[in-house]
């Protein structure tokens, strides 16, 4: 049974709130992921993980917030970003909107590193206005079970952006999107540089958008393992 909020009617949500006040909010980004990674990787991965967690735990899942704080990727076409201050306000108002209906426990499943700082600021703002809110954040790629597997199969070639892990997950969840993506040989890139970086500075440092990754190691098989590890880990932590 789908637990997607957008596939419910308002009376169904009202009935749900009589016994449960918990909702999962998937957040990500629409940004470049190198020459072979989907632009929607960050929100697609968070959304698929969130839907699976919602079904296993019988918890409602909000529609994904597809746009994030991705200013540093704006030198690559296809990227869409909020400014940091706008993102903080958007997330704060999402929490406040849901809170007015009776939700008071929020599990954010995030797929984008650039979101972490503004998400934390938004949580602080929301809790300042409503101290009883319980807000948790899971950055799925930071889960110990996920990083252990990535270290085992990708090692240092996983990288920091357009990683083998995140591309592999969407190769598993969205195989049709990769049918027309060409195979490529990848040269090493620089390691993680100073931060933050302006868009022009980022592209000059990482011309094809990757940060230390070798996407030739990606596969749907690895993605299936990583996806299930993330889902099971979050389910266990939620319980």
C-alpha atoms as a PDB file:
ATOM      1  CA  UNK A   1       0.000   0.000   0.000  1.00  0.00           C
ATOM      2  CA  UNK A   2       1.340   3.399  -0.997  1.00  0.00           C
ATOM      3  CA  UNK A   3       2.149   5.726   1.883  1.00  0.00           C
ATOM      4  CA  UNK A   4       2.643   8.748  -0.391  1.00  0.00           C
ATOM      5  CA  UNK A   5       0.926  11.860   0.940  1.00  0.00           C
ATOM      6  CA  UNK A   6       0.101  13.082  -2.575  1.00  0.00           C
ATOM      7  CA  UNK A   7      -1.852   9.885  -3.237  1.00  0.00           C
ATOM      8  CA  UNK A   8      -4.136  10.390  -0.238  1.00  0.00           C
ATOM      9  CA  UNK A   9      -7.267  12.469   0.264  1.00  0.00           C
ATOM     10  CA  UNK A  10      -7.469  14.948   3.105  1.00  0.00           C
ATOM     11  CA  UNK A  11      -9.905  12.735   5.103  1.00  0.00           C
ATOM     12  CA  UNK A  12      -7.409   9.882   4.818  1.00  0.00           C
ATOM     13  CA  UNK A  13      -4.650  12.114   6.193  1.00  0.00           C
ATOM     14  CA  UNK A  14      -6.937  13.292   8.978  1.00  0.00           C
ATOM     15  CA  UNK A  15      -7.647   9.659   9.899  1.00  0.00           C
ATOM     16  CA  UNK A  16      -3.918   8.842   9.878  1.00  0.00           C
ATOM     17  CA  UNK A  17      -3.232  11.741  12.255  1.00  0.00           C
ATOM     18  CA  UNK A  18      -5.600  10.304  14.836  1.00  0.00           C
ATOM     19  CA  UNK A  19      -3.122   7.502  15.545  1.00  0.00           C
ATOM     20  CA  UNK A  20       0.218   8.704  14.154  1.00  0.00           C
ATOM     21  CA  UNK A  21       1.911  12.128  13.926  1.00  0.00           C
ATOM     22  CA  UNK A  22       5.010  11.045  11.995  1.00  0.00           C
ATOM     23  CA  UNK A  23       5.905  11.969   8.406  1.00  0.00           C
ATOM     24  CA  UNK A  24       8.949  11.325   6.212  1.00  0.00           C
ATOM     25  CA  UNK A  25      10.190  14.207   4.053  1.00  0.00           C
ATOM     26  CA  UNK A  26      12.597  13.327   1.199  1.00  0.00           C
ATOM     27  CA  UNK A  27      14.887  16.160   0.109  1.00  0.00           C
ATOM     28  CA  UNK A  28      17.572  16.351  -2.541  1.00  0.00           C
ATOM     29  CA  UNK A  29      18.681  18.514  -5.427  1.00  0.00           C
ATOM     30  CA  UNK A  30      18.517  18.994  -9.183  1.00  0.00           C
ATOM     31  CA  UNK A  31      22.154  19.374 -10.203  1.00  0.00           C
ATOM     32  CA  UNK A  32      24.889  18.010 -12.415  1.00  0.00           C
ATOM     33  CA  UNK A  33      26.469  14.672 -11.505  1.00  0.00           C
ATOM     34  CA  UNK A  34      29.312  14.422 -13.952  1.00  0.00           C
ATOM     35  CA  UNK A  35      28.993  13.305 -17.591  1.00  0.00           C
ATOM     36  CA  UNK A  36      27.273   9.991 -16.760  1.00  0.00           C
ATOM     37  CA  UNK A  37      25.194  10.723 -13.647  1.00  0.00           C
ATOM     38  CA  UNK A  38      21.561  11.831 -13.742  1.00  0.00           C
ATOM     39  CA  UNK A  39      20.826  15.449 -12.864  1.00  0.00           C
ATOM     40  CA  UNK A  40      18.082  14.265 -10.497  1.00  0.00           C
ATOM     41  CA  UNK A  41      20.189  11.716  -8.586  1.00  0.00           C
ATOM     42  CA  UNK A  42      19.991  13.487  -5.233  1.00  0.00           C
ATOM     43  CA  UNK A  43      16.230  13.779  -5.014  1.00  0.00           C
ATOM     44  CA  UNK A  44      15.511  10.533  -6.866  1.00  0.00           C
ATOM     45  CA  UNK A  45      17.632   8.484  -4.473  1.00  0.00           C
ATOM     46  CA  UNK A  46      16.191  10.187  -1.381  1.00  0.00           C
ATOM     47  CA  UNK A  47      12.644   9.756  -2.685  1.00  0.00           C
ATOM     48  CA  UNK A  48      13.029   6.060  -3.522  1.00  0.00           C
ATOM     49  CA  UNK A  49      14.609   5.330  -0.149  1.00  0.00           C
ATOM     50  CA  UNK A  50      11.898   7.351   1.607  1.00  0.00           C
ATOM     51  CA  UNK A  51       9.064   5.521  -0.190  1.00  0.00           C
ATOM     52  CA  UNK A  52      10.519   2.144   0.745  1.00  0.00           C
ATOM     53  CA  UNK A  53      10.982   3.214   4.371  1.00  0.00           C
ATOM     54  CA  UNK A  54       7.438   4.578   4.452  1.00  0.00           C
ATOM     55  CA  UNK A  55       5.967   1.328   3.194  1.00  0.00           C
ATOM     56  CA  UNK A  56       7.964  -0.775   5.668  1.00  0.00           C
ATOM     57  CA  UNK A  57       7.154   1.410   8.674  1.00  0.00           C
ATOM     58  CA  UNK A  58       3.635   2.459   7.589  1.00  0.00           C
ATOM     59  CA  UNK A  59       4.647   6.113   7.780  1.00  0.00           C
ATOM     60  CA  UNK A  60       3.337   8.804   5.448  1.00  0.00           C
ATOM     61  CA  UNK A  61       5.858  10.194   2.955  1.00  0.00           C
ATOM     62  CA  UNK A  62       5.662  13.777   1.721  1.00  0.00           C
ATOM     63  CA  UNK A  63       6.364  14.616  -1.937  1.00  0.00           C
ATOM     64  CA  UNK A  64      10.096  15.128  -2.520  1.00  0.00           C
ATOM     65  CA  UNK A  65      11.653  18.568  -2.393  1.00  0.00           C
ATOM     66  CA  UNK A  66      13.438  18.269  -5.739  1.00  0.00           C
ATOM     67  CA  UNK A  67      15.507  21.452  -5.475  1.00  0.00           C
ATOM     68  CA  UNK A  68      18.224  22.139  -2.940  1.00  0.00           C
ATOM     69  CA  UNK A  69      21.160  24.394  -2.187  1.00  0.00           C
ATOM     70  CA  UNK A  70      23.359  23.722  -5.236  1.00  0.00           C
ATOM     71  CA  UNK A  71      24.778  27.162  -6.005  1.00  0.00           C
ATOM     72  CA  UNK A  72      28.265  25.719  -6.556  1.00  0.00           C
ATOM     73  CA  UNK A  73      27.021  23.586  -9.484  1.00  0.00           C
ATOM     74  CA  UNK A  74      25.485  26.456 -11.436  1.00  0.00           C
ATOM     75  CA  UNK A  75      28.271  26.515 -14.043  1.00  0.00           C
ATOM     76  CA  UNK A  76      26.816  23.260 -15.425  1.00  0.00           C
ATOM     77  CA  UNK A  77      23.603  23.345 -17.506  1.00  0.00           C
ATOM     78  CA  UNK A  78      20.538  21.706 -16.024  1.00  0.00           C
ATOM     79  CA  UNK A  79      21.293  22.618 -12.417  1.00  0.00           C
ATOM     80  CA  UNK A  80      18.490  24.394 -10.541  1.00  0.00           C
ATOM     81  CA  UNK A  81      19.203  25.865  -7.119  1.00  0.00           C
ATOM     82  CA  UNK A  82      17.795  27.777  -4.190  1.00  0.00           C
ATOM     83  CA  UNK A  83      19.985  30.309  -2.442  1.00  0.00           C
ATOM     84  CA  UNK A  84      20.890  29.158   1.097  1.00  0.00           C
ATOM     85  CA  UNK A  85      18.515  31.625   2.738  1.00  0.00           C
ATOM     86  CA  UNK A  86      15.639  30.657   0.413  1.00  0.00           C
ATOM     87  CA  UNK A  87      16.192  26.957   1.072  1.00  0.00           C
ATOM     88  CA  UNK A  88      16.111  27.527   4.824  1.00  0.00           C
ATOM     89  CA  UNK A  89      12.813  29.377   4.474  1.00  0.00           C
ATOM     90  CA  UNK A  90      11.263  26.748   2.186  1.00  0.00           C
ATOM     91  CA  UNK A  91      12.124  23.860   4.532  1.00  0.00           C
ATOM     92  CA  UNK A  92      10.966  25.829   7.573  1.00  0.00           C
ATOM     93  CA  UNK A  93       7.587  26.497   5.948  1.00  0.00           C
ATOM     94  CA  UNK A  94       7.186  22.856   4.903  1.00  0.00           C
ATOM     95  CA  UNK A  95       7.638  21.831   8.549  1.00  0.00           C
ATOM     96  CA  UNK A  96       5.317  24.592   9.750  1.00  0.00           C
ATOM     97  CA  UNK A  97       2.621  23.654   7.216  1.00  0.00           C
ATOM     98  CA  UNK A  98       2.647  20.014   8.254  1.00  0.00           C
ATOM     99  CA  UNK A  99       2.844  21.004  11.904  1.00  0.00           C
ATOM    100  CA  UNK A 100      -0.352  23.013  11.669  1.00  0.00           C
ATOM    101  CA  UNK A 101      -2.211  19.855  10.652  1.00  0.00           C
ATOM    102  CA  UNK A 102      -0.920  17.912  13.655  1.00  0.00           C
ATOM    103  CA  UNK A 103       2.328  16.315  12.489  1.00  0.00           C
ATOM    104  CA  UNK A 104       5.005  16.683  15.153  1.00  0.00           C
ATOM    105  CA  UNK A 105       7.588  14.043  14.231  1.00  0.00           C
ATOM    106  CA  UNK A 106       9.609  14.593  11.060  1.00  0.00           C
ATOM    107  CA  UNK A 107      12.163  12.282   9.468  1.00  0.00           C
ATOM    108  CA  UNK A 108      14.085  13.990   6.682  1.00  0.00           C
ATOM    109  CA  UNK A 109      15.856  11.687   4.234  1.00  0.00           C
ATOM    110  CA  UNK A 110      18.437  13.725   2.363  1.00  0.00           C
ATOM    111  CA  UNK A 111      20.361  12.970  -0.817  1.00  0.00           C
ATOM    112  CA  UNK A 112      22.531  16.098  -1.178  1.00  0.00           C
ATOM    113  CA  UNK A 113      25.509  17.218   0.874  1.00  0.00           C
ATOM    114  CA  UNK A 114      24.947  20.907   0.131  1.00  0.00           C
ATOM    115  CA  UNK A 115      21.606  20.698   1.939  1.00  0.00           C
ATOM    116  CA  UNK A 116      23.002  19.655   5.303  1.00  0.00           C
ATOM    117  CA  UNK A 117      23.938  23.079   6.687  1.00  0.00           C
ATOM    118  CA  UNK A 118      20.736  24.895   5.597  1.00  0.00           C
ATOM    119  CA  UNK A 119      18.586  21.947   6.698  1.00  0.00           C
ATOM    120  CA  UNK A 120      20.073  22.161  10.175  1.00  0.00           C
ATOM    121  CA  UNK A 121      19.386  25.895  10.245  1.00  0.00           C
ATOM    122  CA  UNK A 122      15.785  25.313   9.126  1.00  0.00           C
ATOM    123  CA  UNK A 123      15.289  22.717  11.861  1.00  0.00           C
ATOM    124  CA  UNK A 124      16.538  25.203  14.443  1.00  0.00           C
ATOM    125  CA  UNK A 125      14.120  27.837  13.129  1.00  0.00           C
ATOM    126  CA  UNK A 126      11.176  25.416  13.148  1.00  0.00           C
ATOM    127  CA  UNK A 127      11.940  24.174  16.672  1.00  0.00           C
ATOM    128  CA  UNK A 128      12.327  27.738  17.899  1.00  0.00           C
ATOM    129  CA  UNK A 129       8.735  28.345  16.852  1.00  0.00           C
ATOM    130  CA  UNK A 130       7.451  24.936  18.023  1.00  0.00           C
ATOM    131  CA  UNK A 131       9.668  23.289  20.620  1.00  0.00           C
ATOM    132  CA  UNK A 132       7.695  20.034  20.679  1.00  0.00           C
ATOM    133  CA  UNK A 133       8.698  19.133  17.097  1.00  0.00           C
ATOM    134  CA  UNK A 134      10.897  16.041  16.862  1.00  0.00           C
ATOM    135  CA  UNK A 135      13.057  16.386  13.734  1.00  0.00           C
ATOM    136  CA  UNK A 136      15.615  13.822  12.574  1.00  0.00           C
ATOM    137  CA  UNK A 137      17.903  13.933   9.543  1.00  0.00           C
ATOM    138  CA  UNK A 138      19.319  10.939   7.685  1.00  0.00           C
ATOM    139  CA  UNK A 139      21.850  11.599   4.937  1.00  0.00           C
ATOM    140  CA  UNK A 140      21.512   8.172   3.365  1.00  0.00           C
ATOM    141  CA  UNK A 141      25.056   8.034   1.933  1.00  0.00           C
ATOM    142  CA  UNK A 142      26.528   8.776   5.378  1.00  0.00           C
ATOM    143  CA  UNK A 143      24.875   5.768   7.039  1.00  0.00           C
ATOM    144  CA  UNK A 144      27.610   3.497   8.464  1.00  0.00           C
ATOM    145  CA  UNK A 145      26.317   0.433   6.643  1.00  0.00           C
ATOM    146  CA  UNK A 146      26.373   2.309   3.331  1.00  0.00           C
ATOM    147  CA  UNK A 147      29.844   3.796   3.735  1.00  0.00           C
ATOM    148  CA  UNK A 148      31.254   0.437   4.834  1.00  0.00           C
ATOM    149  CA  UNK A 149      30.020  -1.198   1.627  1.00  0.00           C
ATOM    150  CA  UNK A 150      31.249   1.684  -0.526  1.00  0.00           C
ATOM    151  CA  UNK A 151      34.682   1.532   1.082  1.00  0.00           C
ATOM    152  CA  UNK A 152      34.783  -2.204   0.450  1.00  0.00           C
ATOM    153  CA  UNK A 153      33.839  -2.163  -3.256  1.00  0.00           C
ATOM    154  CA  UNK A 154      34.892   1.303  -4.456  1.00  0.00           C
ATOM    155  CA  UNK A 155      37.625   2.358  -2.034  1.00  0.00           C
ATOM    156  CA  UNK A 156      39.061   5.825  -2.651  1.00  0.00           C
ATOM    157  CA  UNK A 157      37.500   5.886  -6.128  1.00  0.00           C
ATOM    158  CA  UNK A 158      34.022   6.458  -4.694  1.00  0.00           C
ATOM    159  CA  UNK A 159      34.840  10.162  -4.553  1.00  0.00           C
ATOM    160  CA  UNK A 160      32.864  13.028  -3.018  1.00  0.00           C
ATOM    161  CA  UNK A 161      30.428  14.025  -5.771  1.00  0.00           C
ATOM    162  CA  UNK A 162      28.920  12.028  -8.630  1.00  0.00           C
ATOM    163  CA  UNK A 163      30.040   9.122  -6.472  1.00  0.00           C
ATOM    164  CA  UNK A 164      29.981   5.495  -7.497  1.00  0.00           C
ATOM    165  CA  UNK A 165      27.466   4.816  -4.745  1.00  0.00           C
ATOM    166  CA  UNK A 166      24.863   7.410  -5.632  1.00  0.00           C
ATOM    167  CA  UNK A 167      25.052   6.714  -9.363  1.00  0.00           C
ATOM    168  CA  UNK A 168      24.776   2.982  -8.691  1.00  0.00           C
ATOM    169  CA  UNK A 169      21.611   3.489  -6.623  1.00  0.00           C
ATOM    170  CA  UNK A 170      19.834   5.279  -9.465  1.00  0.00           C
ATOM    171  CA  UNK A 171      21.119   2.683 -11.950  1.00  0.00           C
ATOM    172  CA  UNK A 172      19.122   0.243  -9.810  1.00  0.00           C
ATOM    173  CA  UNK A 173      16.026   2.419  -9.245  1.00  0.00           C
ATOM    174  CA  UNK A 174      15.906   4.059 -12.697  1.00  0.00           C
ATOM    175  CA  UNK A 175      17.639   1.688 -15.144  1.00  0.00           C
ATOM    176  CA  UNK A 176      15.745   3.072 -18.139  1.00  0.00           C
ATOM    177  CA  UNK A 177      17.348   6.492 -17.645  1.00  0.00           C
ATOM    178  CA  UNK A 178      20.825   5.065 -18.207  1.00  0.00           C
ATOM    179  CA  UNK A 179      20.127   3.311 -21.519  1.00  0.00           C
ATOM    180  CA  UNK A 180      21.428   6.244 -23.565  1.00  0.00           C
ATOM    181  CA  UNK A 181      24.285   7.247 -21.241  1.00  0.00           C
ATOM    182  CA  UNK A 182      27.608   6.423 -22.934  1.00  0.00           C
ATOM    183  CA  UNK A 183      30.355   4.391 -21.306  1.00  0.00           C
ATOM    184  CA  UNK A 184      33.455   6.456 -20.568  1.00  0.00           C
ATOM    185  CA  UNK A 185      36.992   6.124 -19.294  1.00  0.00           C
ATOM    186  CA  UNK A 186      37.572   8.437 -16.362  1.00  0.00           C
ATOM    187  CA  UNK A 187      40.793  10.160 -15.370  1.00  0.00           C
ATOM    188  CA  UNK A 188      41.474  10.957 -11.705  1.00  0.00           C
ATOM    189  CA  UNK A 189      40.334  14.356 -10.467  1.00  0.00           C
ATOM    190  CA  UNK A 190      41.562  16.484  -7.607  1.00  0.00           C
ATOM    191  CA  UNK A 191      40.620  15.528  -4.079  1.00  0.00           C
ATOM    192  CA  UNK A 192      38.124  17.626  -2.151  1.00  0.00           C
ATOM    193  CA  UNK A 193      39.352  21.274  -2.314  1.00  0.00           C
ATOM    194  CA  UNK A 194      38.735  24.220  -0.008  1.00  0.00           C
ATOM    195  CA  UNK A 195      35.084  25.018   0.599  1.00  0.00           C
ATOM    196  CA  UNK A 196      32.832  26.815  -0.280  1.00  0.00           C
ATOM    197  CA  UNK A 197      33.442  27.278  -4.005  1.00  0.00           C
ATOM    198  CA  UNK A 198      31.844  29.649  -6.498  1.00  0.00           C
ATOM    199  CA  UNK A 199      30.292  28.090  -9.632  1.00  0.00           C
ATOM    200  CA  UNK A 200      33.098  29.195 -11.979  1.00  0.00           C
ATOM    201  CA  UNK A 201      35.713  28.080  -9.470  1.00  0.00           C
ATOM    202  CA  UNK A 202      34.066  24.667  -9.141  1.00  0.00           C
ATOM    203  CA  UNK A 203      33.986  24.038 -12.891  1.00  0.00           C
ATOM    204  CA  UNK A 204      37.577  25.174 -13.331  1.00  0.00           C
ATOM    205  CA  UNK A 205      38.638  22.744 -10.591  1.00  0.00           C
ATOM    206  CA  UNK A 206      36.373  19.862 -11.698  1.00  0.00           C
ATOM    207  CA  UNK A 207      35.815  20.364 -15.456  1.00  0.00           C
ATOM    208  CA  UNK A 208      33.461  17.391 -15.962  1.00  0.00           C
ATOM    209  CA  UNK A 209      31.665  17.795 -12.622  1.00  0.00           C
ATOM    210  CA  UNK A 210      33.111  14.809 -10.755  1.00  0.00           C
ATOM    211  CA  UNK A 211      34.922  15.121  -7.438  1.00  0.00           C
ATOM    212  CA  UNK A 212      37.361  12.244  -7.127  1.00  0.00           C
ATOM    213  CA  UNK A 213      34.983   9.543  -8.372  1.00  0.00           C
ATOM    214  CA  UNK A 214      35.406   6.792 -10.956  1.00  0.00           C
ATOM    215  CA  UNK A 215      31.871   6.099 -12.261  1.00  0.00           C
ATOM    216  CA  UNK A 216      33.119   3.233 -14.430  1.00  0.00           C
ATOM    217  CA  UNK A 217      32.853   1.156 -11.239  1.00  0.00           C
ATOM    218  CA  UNK A 218      29.102   1.811 -10.924  1.00  0.00           C
ATOM    219  CA  UNK A 219      26.524  -0.933 -11.413  1.00  0.00           C
ATOM    220  CA  UNK A 220      22.866  -1.611 -10.721  1.00  0.00           C
ATOM    221  CA  UNK A 221      23.965  -4.635  -8.651  1.00  0.00           C
ATOM    222  CA  UNK A 222      25.942  -2.422  -6.290  1.00  0.00           C
ATOM    223  CA  UNK A 223      23.027   0.019  -6.282  1.00  0.00           C
ATOM    224  CA  UNK A 224      20.585  -2.667  -5.151  1.00  0.00           C
ATOM    225  CA  UNK A 225      22.798  -3.565  -2.193  1.00  0.00           C
ATOM    226  CA  UNK A 226      23.306   0.079  -1.208  1.00  0.00           C
ATOM    227  CA  UNK A 227      19.600   0.866  -1.547  1.00  0.00           C
ATOM    228  CA  UNK A 228      18.570  -2.006   0.705  1.00  0.00           C
ATOM    229  CA  UNK A 229      21.267  -1.166   3.246  1.00  0.00           C
ATOM    230  CA  UNK A 230      20.018   2.420   3.437  1.00  0.00           C
ATOM    231  CA  UNK A 231      16.359   1.427   3.750  1.00  0.00           C
ATOM    232  CA  UNK A 232      16.986  -1.213   6.423  1.00  0.00           C
ATOM    233  CA  UNK A 233      19.283   1.074   8.418  1.00  0.00           C
ATOM    234  CA  UNK A 234      16.798   3.957   8.494  1.00  0.00           C
ATOM    235  CA  UNK A 235      13.906   1.638   9.374  1.00  0.00           C
ATOM    236  CA  UNK A 236      15.870   0.242  12.312  1.00  0.00           C
ATOM    237  CA  UNK A 237      16.826   3.718  13.540  1.00  0.00           C
ATOM    238  CA  UNK A 238      13.261   4.960  13.240  1.00  0.00           C
ATOM    239  CA  UNK A 239      12.004   2.079  15.363  1.00  0.00           C
END
